[in-house]
Amino acid sequence: MHNLPKFIIILFFILYSGCGIYKPVDAKKVSPTGSERAKKNIEEGRGVGLFGQMSRKGGTFEFANANELWRASLDVIDFMPLASVNYSGGIIITDWYSGDEGTNETVKISIRFLTNEIRSDALEIKMFTKSCNNQNNCVTSEISGNLVTEIKKEILKRAAQYEKEDPNKQKNPNKSSG
């Protein structure tokens, strides 16, 4: 019974040193000043936040307003509530939407960005419709055809207009003007 506290202490040190928390450091490479060490840790993206949350390294972000396809897509479907929007994943999904409260049919749109270039194969658009009767029995089906094509055309037209209006965009000297 007397050896139990020693065993716990030894076990603690074995676990503590084996989990990677303690790392020996060369004293010549580390500043003795705490503020300099903190500054270096911040520059390297290391540190611990409140309640054990690790601080994340900063990065370079491309904002959605710089992407004409993204902006045009959001403008075209701005009347619909959004369920999921992920710029880095390249997808916009709307929530189910109905223009009339009296109707039992709702529509959902999914837009996947395949490239940032403004061209006809840059977007994959899927539309779904859901019809429910009074007993809440619903049937969901995918819409294809003219409506999907019209939405895609409108997005591409607006994206081309945004690109043309952007003073920061340089014209490609390899393209012939004609």
N, C-alpha and C. Protein backbone atom coordinates (compact mmCIF):
# COMPACT_ATOMS: atom_id res chain seq x y z
N MET A 1 0.82 -1.19 0.00
CA MET A 1 0.00 0.00 0.00
C MET A 1 0.87 1.26 0.00
N HIS A 2 2.03 1.17 0.61
CA HIS A 2 2.94 2.30 0.69
C HIS A 2 3.57 2.60 -0.67
N ASN A 3 3.64 1.63 -1.56
CA ASN A 3 4.26 1.81 -2.86
C ASN A 3 3.31 2.41 -3.91
N LEU A 4 2.03 2.46 -3.60
CA LEU A 4 1.05 2.96 -4.54
C LEU A 4 1.31 4.41 -4.96
N PRO A 5 1.58 5.37 -4.04
CA PRO A 5 1.85 6.74 -4.48
C PRO A 5 3.09 6.83 -5.37
N LYS A 6 4.13 6.04 -5.08
CA LYS A 6 5.34 6.06 -5.92
C LYS A 6 5.00 5.54 -7.31
N PHE A 7 4.20 4.50 -7.35
CA PHE A 7 3.81 3.91 -8.63
C PHE A 7 3.02 4.92 -9.47
N ILE A 8 2.12 5.67 -8.83
CA ILE A 8 1.32 6.66 -9.55
C ILE A 8 2.20 7.78 -10.08
N ILE A 9 3.15 8.22 -9.28
CA ILE A 9 4.07 9.27 -9.71
C ILE A 9 4.93 8.79 -10.87
N ILE A 10 5.47 7.59 -10.80
CA ILE A 10 6.28 7.04 -11.89
C ILE A 10 5.44 6.88 -13.14
N LEU A 11 4.24 6.36 -13.00
CA LEU A 11 3.34 6.20 -14.13
C LEU A 11 3.02 7.54 -14.77
N PHE A 12 2.79 8.57 -13.95
CA PHE A 12 2.51 9.91 -14.45
C PHE A 12 3.66 10.41 -15.31
N PHE A 13 4.90 10.29 -14.84
CA PHE A 13 6.05 10.77 -15.59
C PHE A 13 6.26 9.99 -16.88
N ILE A 14 5.99 8.70 -16.86
CA ILE A 14 6.12 7.90 -18.08
C ILE A 14 5.09 8.34 -19.11
N LEU A 15 3.85 8.51 -18.67
CA LEU A 15 2.81 8.94 -19.60
C LEU A 15 3.03 10.37 -20.06
N TYR A 16 3.45 11.22 -19.18
CA TYR A 16 3.68 12.63 -19.50
C TYR A 16 4.78 12.78 -20.53
N SER A 17 5.86 12.08 -20.37
CA SER A 17 6.98 12.21 -21.31
C SER A 17 6.70 11.49 -22.62
N GLY A 18 5.86 10.47 -22.62
CA GLY A 18 5.60 9.70 -23.83
C GLY A 18 4.53 10.29 -24.72
N CYS A 19 3.77 11.27 -24.27
CA CYS A 19 2.67 11.77 -25.10
C CYS A 19 3.07 12.97 -25.93
N GLY A 20 4.30 13.35 -25.89
CA GLY A 20 4.78 14.41 -26.76
C GLY A 20 4.58 15.80 -26.23
N ILE A 21 4.20 15.96 -24.98
CA ILE A 21 4.04 17.29 -24.41
C ILE A 21 5.42 17.89 -24.11
N TYR A 22 6.29 17.10 -23.55
CA TYR A 22 7.63 17.58 -23.21
C TYR A 22 8.57 17.34 -24.37
N LYS A 23 9.19 18.40 -24.85
CA LYS A 23 10.17 18.28 -25.93
C LYS A 23 11.42 19.04 -25.50
N PRO A 24 12.55 18.36 -25.42
CA PRO A 24 13.77 19.05 -25.03
C PRO A 24 14.13 20.12 -26.07
N VAL A 25 14.64 21.25 -25.60
CA VAL A 25 14.95 22.37 -26.48
C VAL A 25 16.38 22.82 -26.20
N ASP A 26 17.08 23.19 -27.26
CA ASP A 26 18.43 23.72 -27.13
C ASP A 26 18.33 25.16 -26.59
N ALA A 27 18.95 25.43 -25.47
CA ALA A 27 18.85 26.74 -24.83
C ALA A 27 19.45 27.85 -25.68
N LYS A 28 20.37 27.51 -26.58
CA LYS A 28 20.97 28.53 -27.45
C LYS A 28 20.00 29.02 -28.52
N LYS A 29 19.02 28.20 -28.86
CA LYS A 29 18.08 28.56 -29.91
C LYS A 29 16.82 29.24 -29.39
N VAL A 30 16.63 29.29 -28.09
CA VAL A 30 15.43 29.85 -27.50
C VAL A 30 15.80 31.10 -26.70
N SER A 31 15.05 32.17 -26.94
CA SER A 31 15.30 33.42 -26.24
C SER A 31 14.88 33.28 -24.77
N PRO A 32 15.67 33.87 -23.85
CA PRO A 32 15.28 33.82 -22.44
C PRO A 32 14.12 34.76 -22.12
N THR A 33 13.81 35.69 -23.03
CA THR A 33 12.73 36.63 -22.81
C THR A 33 11.40 36.02 -23.20
N GLY A 34 10.46 36.04 -22.30
CA GLY A 34 9.15 35.44 -22.53
C GLY A 34 8.40 36.07 -23.68
N SER A 35 8.47 37.40 -23.82
CA SER A 35 7.73 38.07 -24.89
C SER A 35 8.28 37.70 -26.27
N GLU A 36 9.60 37.50 -26.37
CA GLU A 36 10.18 37.08 -27.64
C GLU A 36 9.77 35.65 -27.98
N ARG A 37 9.72 34.77 -26.98
CA ARG A 37 9.27 33.39 -27.22
C ARG A 37 7.81 33.37 -27.65
N ALA A 38 6.99 34.21 -27.01
CA ALA A 38 5.57 34.28 -27.36
C ALA A 38 5.40 34.79 -28.79
N LYS A 39 6.18 35.80 -29.17
CA LYS A 39 6.11 36.35 -30.52
C LYS A 39 6.49 35.29 -31.55
N LYS A 40 7.54 34.52 -31.26
CA LYS A 40 7.97 33.46 -32.17
C LYS A 40 6.89 32.38 -32.29
N ASN A 41 6.28 32.00 -31.17
CA ASN A 41 5.22 30.99 -31.20
C ASN A 41 4.02 31.46 -32.02
N ILE A 42 3.67 32.74 -31.90
CA ILE A 42 2.56 33.27 -32.67
C ILE A 42 2.89 33.26 -34.16
N GLU A 43 4.13 33.65 -34.51
CA GLU A 43 4.54 33.65 -35.92
C GLU A 43 4.51 32.24 -36.50
N GLU A 44 4.82 31.24 -35.68
CA GLU A 44 4.84 29.85 -36.15
C GLU A 44 3.47 29.19 -36.04
N GLY A 45 2.49 29.91 -35.48
CA GLY A 45 1.14 29.36 -35.39
C GLY A 45 0.97 28.36 -34.27
N ARG A 46 1.81 28.43 -33.26
CA ARG A 46 1.69 27.51 -32.14
C ARG A 46 1.09 28.23 -30.96
N GLY A 47 0.51 27.46 -30.07
CA GLY A 47 -0.03 28.04 -28.85
C GLY A 47 -1.29 27.31 -28.42
N VAL A 48 -1.76 27.67 -27.26
CA VAL A 48 -2.97 27.06 -26.72
C VAL A 48 -3.91 28.19 -26.34
N GLY A 49 -5.18 28.03 -26.72
CA GLY A 49 -6.19 29.02 -26.38
C GLY A 49 -6.89 28.65 -25.09
N LEU A 50 -7.97 29.31 -24.81
CA LEU A 50 -8.75 29.01 -23.63
C LEU A 50 -9.36 27.62 -23.71
N PHE A 51 -9.45 26.96 -22.60
CA PHE A 51 -10.06 25.64 -22.48
C PHE A 51 -9.43 24.61 -23.40
N GLY A 52 -8.14 24.76 -23.66
CA GLY A 52 -7.40 23.75 -24.42
C GLY A 52 -7.58 23.83 -25.91
N GLN A 53 -8.24 24.88 -26.43
CA GLN A 53 -8.38 25.00 -27.87
C GLN A 53 -7.04 25.41 -28.45
N MET A 54 -6.60 24.67 -29.44
CA MET A 54 -5.33 25.00 -30.08
C MET A 54 -5.56 26.17 -31.02
N SER A 55 -4.61 27.09 -31.02
CA SER A 55 -4.72 28.17 -31.99
C SER A 55 -4.32 27.64 -33.35
N ARG A 56 -4.94 28.17 -34.38
CA ARG A 56 -4.68 27.67 -35.73
C ARG A 56 -3.74 28.60 -36.45
N LYS A 57 -2.99 28.02 -37.34
CA LYS A 57 -2.09 28.80 -38.15
C LYS A 57 -2.90 29.60 -39.14
N GLY A 58 -2.54 30.84 -39.35
CA GLY A 58 -3.23 31.67 -40.32
C GLY A 58 -2.90 31.21 -41.72
N GLY A 59 -3.73 31.60 -42.66
CA GLY A 59 -3.50 31.19 -44.03
C GLY A 59 -3.92 32.27 -44.99
N THR A 60 -3.77 31.99 -46.25
CA THR A 60 -4.18 32.90 -47.28
C THR A 60 -5.56 32.48 -47.74
N PHE A 61 -6.47 33.43 -47.76
CA PHE A 61 -7.84 33.11 -48.12
C PHE A 61 -8.22 33.83 -49.40
N GLU A 62 -8.91 33.13 -50.27
CA GLU A 62 -9.50 33.75 -51.44
C GLU A 62 -10.97 33.96 -51.09
N PHE A 63 -11.41 35.19 -51.20
CA PHE A 63 -12.77 35.48 -50.81
C PHE A 63 -13.72 35.28 -51.98
N ALA A 64 -14.93 34.89 -51.67
CA ALA A 64 -15.90 34.53 -52.68
C ALA A 64 -16.26 35.72 -53.57
N ASN A 65 -16.14 36.94 -53.06
CA ASN A 65 -16.54 38.07 -53.89
C ASN A 65 -15.57 38.31 -55.04
N ALA A 66 -14.41 37.66 -55.03
CA ALA A 66 -13.46 37.77 -56.13
C ALA A 66 -13.78 36.76 -57.24
N ASN A 67 -14.66 35.82 -56.99
CA ASN A 67 -15.01 34.79 -57.97
C ASN A 67 -16.34 35.16 -58.60
N GLU A 68 -16.31 35.47 -59.89
CA GLU A 68 -17.51 35.93 -60.58
C GLU A 68 -18.59 34.85 -60.64
N LEU A 69 -18.20 33.59 -60.86
CA LEU A 69 -19.19 32.51 -60.91
C LEU A 69 -19.93 32.37 -59.58
N TRP A 70 -19.17 32.47 -58.50
CA TRP A 70 -19.75 32.35 -57.16
C TRP A 70 -20.74 33.48 -56.91
N ARG A 71 -20.31 34.71 -57.20
CA ARG A 71 -21.18 35.87 -56.99
C ARG A 71 -22.43 35.79 -57.85
N ALA A 72 -22.26 35.41 -59.11
CA ALA A 72 -23.41 35.33 -60.02
C ALA A 72 -24.39 34.26 -59.56
N SER A 73 -23.88 33.14 -59.09
CA SER A 73 -24.75 32.05 -58.61
C SER A 73 -25.58 32.52 -57.42
N LEU A 74 -24.93 33.18 -56.47
CA LEU A 74 -25.66 33.67 -55.30
C LEU A 74 -26.69 34.73 -55.69
N ASP A 75 -26.37 35.56 -56.68
CA ASP A 75 -27.32 36.58 -57.13
C ASP A 75 -28.54 35.96 -57.80
N VAL A 76 -28.32 34.92 -58.60
CA VAL A 76 -29.42 34.30 -59.33
C VAL A 76 -30.38 33.60 -58.37
N ILE A 77 -29.87 32.98 -57.33
CA ILE A 77 -30.74 32.24 -56.40
C ILE A 77 -30.94 32.99 -55.08
N ASP A 78 -30.77 34.31 -55.10
CA ASP A 78 -30.85 35.09 -53.86
C ASP A 78 -32.22 35.08 -53.20
N PHE A 79 -33.27 34.70 -53.91
CA PHE A 79 -34.62 34.64 -53.33
C PHE A 79 -34.84 33.36 -52.51
N MET A 80 -33.93 32.40 -52.64
CA MET A 80 -34.09 31.12 -51.95
C MET A 80 -33.25 31.09 -50.67
N PRO A 81 -33.75 30.50 -49.60
CA PRO A 81 -32.93 30.35 -48.39
C PRO A 81 -31.81 29.34 -48.63
N LEU A 82 -30.65 29.60 -48.07
CA LEU A 82 -29.51 28.72 -48.27
C LEU A 82 -29.40 27.72 -47.12
N ALA A 83 -29.18 26.45 -47.47
CA ALA A 83 -29.02 25.40 -46.46
C ALA A 83 -27.55 25.16 -46.17
N SER A 84 -26.71 25.18 -47.20
CA SER A 84 -25.28 24.93 -47.03
C SER A 84 -24.52 25.69 -48.11
N VAL A 85 -23.50 26.41 -47.66
CA VAL A 85 -22.64 27.16 -48.58
C VAL A 85 -21.21 26.90 -48.17
N ASN A 86 -20.42 26.36 -49.09
CA ASN A 86 -19.03 26.05 -48.79
C ASN A 86 -18.17 26.50 -49.96
N TYR A 87 -17.54 27.66 -49.80
CA TYR A 87 -16.73 28.22 -50.88
C TYR A 87 -15.52 27.33 -51.17
N SER A 88 -14.84 26.89 -50.14
CA SER A 88 -13.64 26.07 -50.37
C SER A 88 -14.01 24.71 -50.95
N GLY A 89 -15.18 24.21 -50.63
CA GLY A 89 -15.64 22.94 -51.19
C GLY A 89 -16.33 23.11 -52.53
N GLY A 90 -16.66 24.35 -52.89
CA GLY A 90 -17.24 24.64 -54.18
C GLY A 90 -18.67 24.17 -54.35
N ILE A 91 -19.51 24.41 -53.33
CA ILE A 91 -20.91 23.97 -53.46
C ILE A 91 -21.85 24.93 -52.74
N ILE A 92 -23.01 25.13 -53.37
CA ILE A 92 -24.11 25.90 -52.77
C ILE A 92 -25.33 25.00 -52.81
N ILE A 93 -25.99 24.85 -51.68
CA ILE A 93 -27.22 24.06 -51.62
C ILE A 93 -28.29 24.93 -50.96
N THR A 94 -29.40 25.09 -51.64
CA THR A 94 -30.49 25.87 -51.06
C THR A 94 -31.35 24.97 -50.19
N ASP A 95 -32.17 25.60 -49.39
CA ASP A 95 -33.16 24.87 -48.62
C ASP A 95 -34.38 24.69 -49.52
N TRP A 96 -35.32 23.89 -49.09
CA TRP A 96 -36.55 23.71 -49.86
C TRP A 96 -37.28 25.05 -49.88
N TYR A 97 -37.78 25.43 -51.06
CA TYR A 97 -38.41 26.74 -51.23
C TYR A 97 -39.71 26.60 -52.01
N SER A 98 -40.69 27.36 -51.57
CA SER A 98 -41.96 27.42 -52.29
C SER A 98 -42.35 28.88 -52.42
N GLY A 99 -42.70 29.28 -53.62
CA GLY A 99 -43.10 30.67 -53.85
C GLY A 99 -44.47 30.98 -53.30
N ASP A 100 -45.35 30.01 -53.30
CA ASP A 100 -46.71 30.19 -52.80
C ASP A 100 -46.91 29.35 -51.55
N GLU A 101 -47.57 29.94 -50.55
CA GLU A 101 -47.85 29.18 -49.32
C GLU A 101 -48.94 28.15 -49.54
N GLY A 102 -49.80 28.36 -50.52
CA GLY A 102 -50.91 27.46 -50.75
C GLY A 102 -50.53 26.20 -51.52
N THR A 103 -49.35 26.17 -52.09
CA THR A 103 -48.94 25.02 -52.89
C THR A 103 -48.25 23.97 -52.02
N ASN A 104 -48.30 22.75 -52.47
CA ASN A 104 -47.65 21.66 -51.73
C ASN A 104 -46.36 21.22 -52.43
N GLU A 105 -45.84 22.06 -53.30
CA GLU A 105 -44.63 21.72 -54.04
C GLU A 105 -43.50 22.68 -53.67
N THR A 106 -42.32 22.13 -53.38
CA THR A 106 -41.16 22.94 -53.05
C THR A 106 -40.01 22.56 -53.98
N VAL A 107 -39.03 23.46 -54.08
CA VAL A 107 -37.89 23.28 -54.98
C VAL A 107 -36.60 23.46 -54.19
N LYS A 108 -35.58 22.70 -54.58
CA LYS A 108 -34.25 22.78 -53.97
C LYS A 108 -33.23 22.78 -55.09
N ILE A 109 -32.17 23.60 -54.96
CA ILE A 109 -31.14 23.70 -55.99
C ILE A 109 -29.78 23.41 -55.37
N SER A 110 -28.98 22.67 -56.12
CA SER A 110 -27.60 22.39 -55.74
C SER A 110 -26.69 22.86 -56.87
N ILE A 111 -25.71 23.69 -56.53
CA ILE A 111 -24.76 24.18 -57.54
C ILE A 111 -23.36 23.76 -57.10
N ARG A 112 -22.70 22.99 -57.95
CA ARG A 112 -21.32 22.55 -57.68
C ARG A 112 -20.41 23.22 -58.69
N PHE A 113 -19.33 23.82 -58.18
CA PHE A 113 -18.38 24.53 -59.03
C PHE A 113 -17.25 23.57 -59.40
N LEU A 114 -17.08 23.34 -60.69
CA LEU A 114 -16.07 22.41 -61.18
C LEU A 114 -14.78 23.13 -61.56
N THR A 115 -14.88 24.42 -61.85
CA THR A 115 -13.72 25.26 -62.17
C THR A 115 -14.10 26.70 -61.90
N ASN A 116 -13.11 27.57 -61.78
CA ASN A 116 -13.37 28.99 -61.58
C ASN A 116 -13.52 29.75 -62.89
N GLU A 117 -13.22 29.09 -64.00
CA GLU A 117 -13.32 29.73 -65.30
C GLU A 117 -14.78 29.85 -65.71
N ILE A 118 -15.10 30.93 -66.40
CA ILE A 118 -16.47 31.15 -66.84
C ILE A 118 -16.64 30.43 -68.18
N ARG A 119 -17.21 29.24 -68.09
CA ARG A 119 -17.47 28.44 -69.28
C ARG A 119 -18.63 27.49 -68.98
N SER A 120 -19.20 26.90 -70.01
CA SER A 120 -20.43 26.13 -69.85
C SER A 120 -20.27 24.89 -68.98
N ASP A 121 -19.08 24.31 -68.93
CA ASP A 121 -18.89 23.11 -68.10
C ASP A 121 -18.32 23.44 -66.72
N ALA A 122 -18.39 24.69 -66.30
CA ALA A 122 -17.85 25.11 -65.01
C ALA A 122 -18.78 24.78 -63.85
N LEU A 123 -20.07 24.60 -64.14
CA LEU A 123 -21.07 24.38 -63.10
C LEU A 123 -21.82 23.08 -63.33
N GLU A 124 -22.16 22.44 -62.22
CA GLU A 124 -23.09 21.30 -62.26
C GLU A 124 -24.27 21.71 -61.40
N ILE A 125 -25.41 21.89 -62.05
CA ILE A 125 -26.61 22.35 -61.35
C ILE A 125 -27.62 21.21 -61.32
N LYS A 126 -28.14 20.96 -60.12
CA LYS A 126 -29.20 19.96 -59.95
C LYS A 126 -30.36 20.65 -59.24
N MET A 127 -31.55 20.35 -59.73
CA MET A 127 -32.77 20.87 -59.11
C MET A 127 -33.65 19.71 -58.73
N PHE A 128 -34.28 19.87 -57.59
CA PHE A 128 -35.17 18.83 -57.09
C PHE A 128 -36.51 19.46 -56.73
N THR A 129 -37.55 18.68 -56.90
CA THR A 129 -38.87 19.12 -56.50
C THR A 129 -39.44 18.11 -55.50
N LYS A 130 -40.18 18.62 -54.55
CA LYS A 130 -40.82 17.76 -53.55
C LYS A 130 -42.29 18.13 -53.48
N SER A 131 -43.13 17.14 -53.72
CA SER A 131 -44.59 17.33 -53.65
C SER A 131 -45.14 16.53 -52.49
N CYS A 132 -45.90 17.20 -51.67
CA CYS A 132 -46.49 16.53 -50.50
C CYS A 132 -48.01 16.67 -50.56
N ASN A 133 -48.69 15.60 -50.14
CA ASN A 133 -50.15 15.69 -50.06
C ASN A 133 -50.54 16.05 -48.63
N ASN A 134 -51.81 16.08 -48.33
CA ASN A 134 -52.29 16.51 -47.02
C ASN A 134 -51.83 15.62 -45.87
N GLN A 135 -51.52 14.37 -46.14
CA GLN A 135 -51.07 13.45 -45.09
C GLN A 135 -49.55 13.47 -44.94
N ASN A 136 -48.87 14.47 -45.51
CA ASN A 136 -47.42 14.62 -45.47
C ASN A 136 -46.68 13.46 -46.12
N ASN A 137 -47.32 12.81 -47.08
CA ASN A 137 -46.62 11.84 -47.91
C ASN A 137 -45.97 12.63 -49.04
N CYS A 138 -44.63 12.59 -49.09
CA CYS A 138 -43.91 13.42 -50.04
C CYS A 138 -43.20 12.56 -51.08
N VAL A 139 -43.14 13.12 -52.28
CA VAL A 139 -42.41 12.49 -53.38
C VAL A 139 -41.38 13.50 -53.86
N THR A 140 -40.11 13.06 -53.90
CA THR A 140 -39.02 13.92 -54.35
C THR A 140 -38.50 13.41 -55.67
N SER A 141 -38.25 14.33 -56.60
CA SER A 141 -37.69 13.93 -57.90
C SER A 141 -36.78 15.03 -58.43
N GLU A 142 -35.85 14.62 -59.29
CA GLU A 142 -34.92 15.57 -59.88
C GLU A 142 -35.55 16.20 -61.12
N ILE A 143 -35.33 17.51 -61.26
CA ILE A 143 -35.82 18.25 -62.42
C ILE A 143 -34.65 18.36 -63.40
N SER A 144 -34.89 18.06 -64.64
CA SER A 144 -33.85 18.26 -65.65
C SER A 144 -34.48 19.00 -66.82
N GLY A 145 -33.65 19.50 -67.68
CA GLY A 145 -34.17 20.14 -68.89
C GLY A 145 -34.03 21.63 -68.91
N ASN A 146 -35.06 22.27 -69.41
CA ASN A 146 -35.02 23.68 -69.75
C ASN A 146 -34.77 24.60 -68.56
N LEU A 147 -35.39 24.35 -67.43
CA LEU A 147 -35.24 25.23 -66.26
C LEU A 147 -33.79 25.23 -65.75
N VAL A 148 -33.18 24.06 -65.67
CA VAL A 148 -31.77 23.95 -65.24
C VAL A 148 -30.86 24.68 -66.23
N THR A 149 -31.13 24.51 -67.52
CA THR A 149 -30.34 25.17 -68.56
C THR A 149 -30.48 26.68 -68.47
N GLU A 150 -31.67 27.18 -68.22
CA GLU A 150 -31.90 28.62 -68.11
C GLU A 150 -31.17 29.21 -66.90
N ILE A 151 -31.19 28.52 -65.78
CA ILE A 151 -30.47 29.00 -64.59
C ILE A 151 -28.98 29.04 -64.87
N LYS A 152 -28.45 28.01 -65.49
CA LYS A 152 -27.02 27.95 -65.82
C LYS A 152 -26.65 29.10 -66.77
N LYS A 153 -27.47 29.35 -67.79
CA LYS A 153 -27.21 30.46 -68.72
C LYS A 153 -27.19 31.80 -68.00
N GLU A 154 -28.15 32.00 -67.09
CA GLU A 154 -28.23 33.26 -66.36
C GLU A 154 -27.00 33.46 -65.47
N ILE A 155 -26.56 32.39 -64.80
CA ILE A 155 -25.35 32.49 -63.96
C ILE A 155 -24.13 32.83 -64.81
N LEU A 156 -23.97 32.14 -65.93
CA LEU A 156 -22.81 32.39 -66.81
C LEU A 156 -22.85 33.79 -67.40
N LYS A 157 -24.05 34.27 -67.76
CA LYS A 157 -24.19 35.61 -68.32
C LYS A 157 -23.80 36.67 -67.28
N ARG A 158 -24.29 36.51 -66.05
CA ARG A 158 -23.94 37.47 -65.00
C ARG A 158 -22.46 37.41 -64.63
N ALA A 159 -21.92 36.21 -64.59
CA ALA A 159 -20.50 36.06 -64.27
C ALA A 159 -19.64 36.74 -65.33
N ALA A 160 -19.99 36.59 -66.59
CA ALA A 160 -19.25 37.25 -67.66
C ALA A 160 -19.37 38.77 -67.54
N GLN A 161 -20.55 39.24 -67.16
CA GLN A 161 -20.76 40.67 -66.97
C GLN A 161 -19.90 41.18 -65.80
N TYR A 162 -19.87 40.45 -64.68
CA TYR A 162 -19.04 40.84 -63.54
C TYR A 162 -17.57 40.88 -63.92
N GLU A 163 -17.13 39.91 -64.69
CA GLU A 163 -15.73 39.87 -65.11
C GLU A 163 -15.39 41.05 -66.01
N LYS A 164 -16.31 41.40 -66.88
CA LYS A 164 -16.11 42.52 -67.79
C LYS A 164 -16.05 43.85 -67.04
N GLU A 165 -16.87 43.97 -65.98
CA GLU A 165 -16.93 45.21 -65.20
C GLU A 165 -15.78 45.36 -64.22
N ASP A 166 -15.06 44.28 -63.92
CA ASP A 166 -14.00 44.31 -62.91
C ASP A 166 -12.76 44.99 -63.47
N PRO A 167 -12.37 46.15 -62.91
CA PRO A 167 -11.19 46.86 -63.42
C PRO A 167 -9.88 46.14 -63.09
N ASN A 168 -9.89 45.25 -62.12
CA ASN A 168 -8.66 44.54 -61.74
C ASN A 168 -8.34 43.38 -62.66
N LYS A 169 -9.32 42.94 -63.45
CA LYS A 169 -9.09 41.82 -64.36
C LYS A 169 -8.34 42.33 -65.58
N GLN A 170 -7.26 41.63 -65.91
CA GLN A 170 -6.50 42.00 -67.10
C GLN A 170 -6.99 41.14 -68.25
N LYS A 171 -7.07 41.75 -69.40
CA LYS A 171 -7.46 40.98 -70.58
C LYS A 171 -6.32 40.08 -70.98
N ASN A 172 -6.66 38.89 -71.45
CA ASN A 172 -5.68 37.92 -71.88
C ASN A 172 -5.14 38.34 -73.24
N PRO A 173 -3.81 38.63 -73.33
CA PRO A 173 -3.26 39.09 -74.61
C PRO A 173 -3.26 37.99 -75.66
N ASN A 174 -3.40 36.73 -75.28
CA ASN A 174 -3.39 35.63 -76.24
C ASN A 174 -4.71 35.49 -76.98
N LYS A 175 -5.79 36.02 -76.41
CA LYS A 175 -7.09 35.93 -77.06
C LYS A 175 -7.20 37.02 -78.11
N SER A 176 -7.74 36.65 -79.24
CA SER A 176 -7.92 37.64 -80.30
C SER A 176 -9.23 38.37 -80.09
N SER A 177 -9.22 39.65 -80.32
CA SER A 177 -10.46 40.42 -80.18
C SER A 177 -11.17 40.39 -81.53
N GLY A 178 -12.43 40.08 -81.47
CA GLY A 178 -13.03 39.93 -82.77
C GLY A 178 -14.46 40.04 -82.69
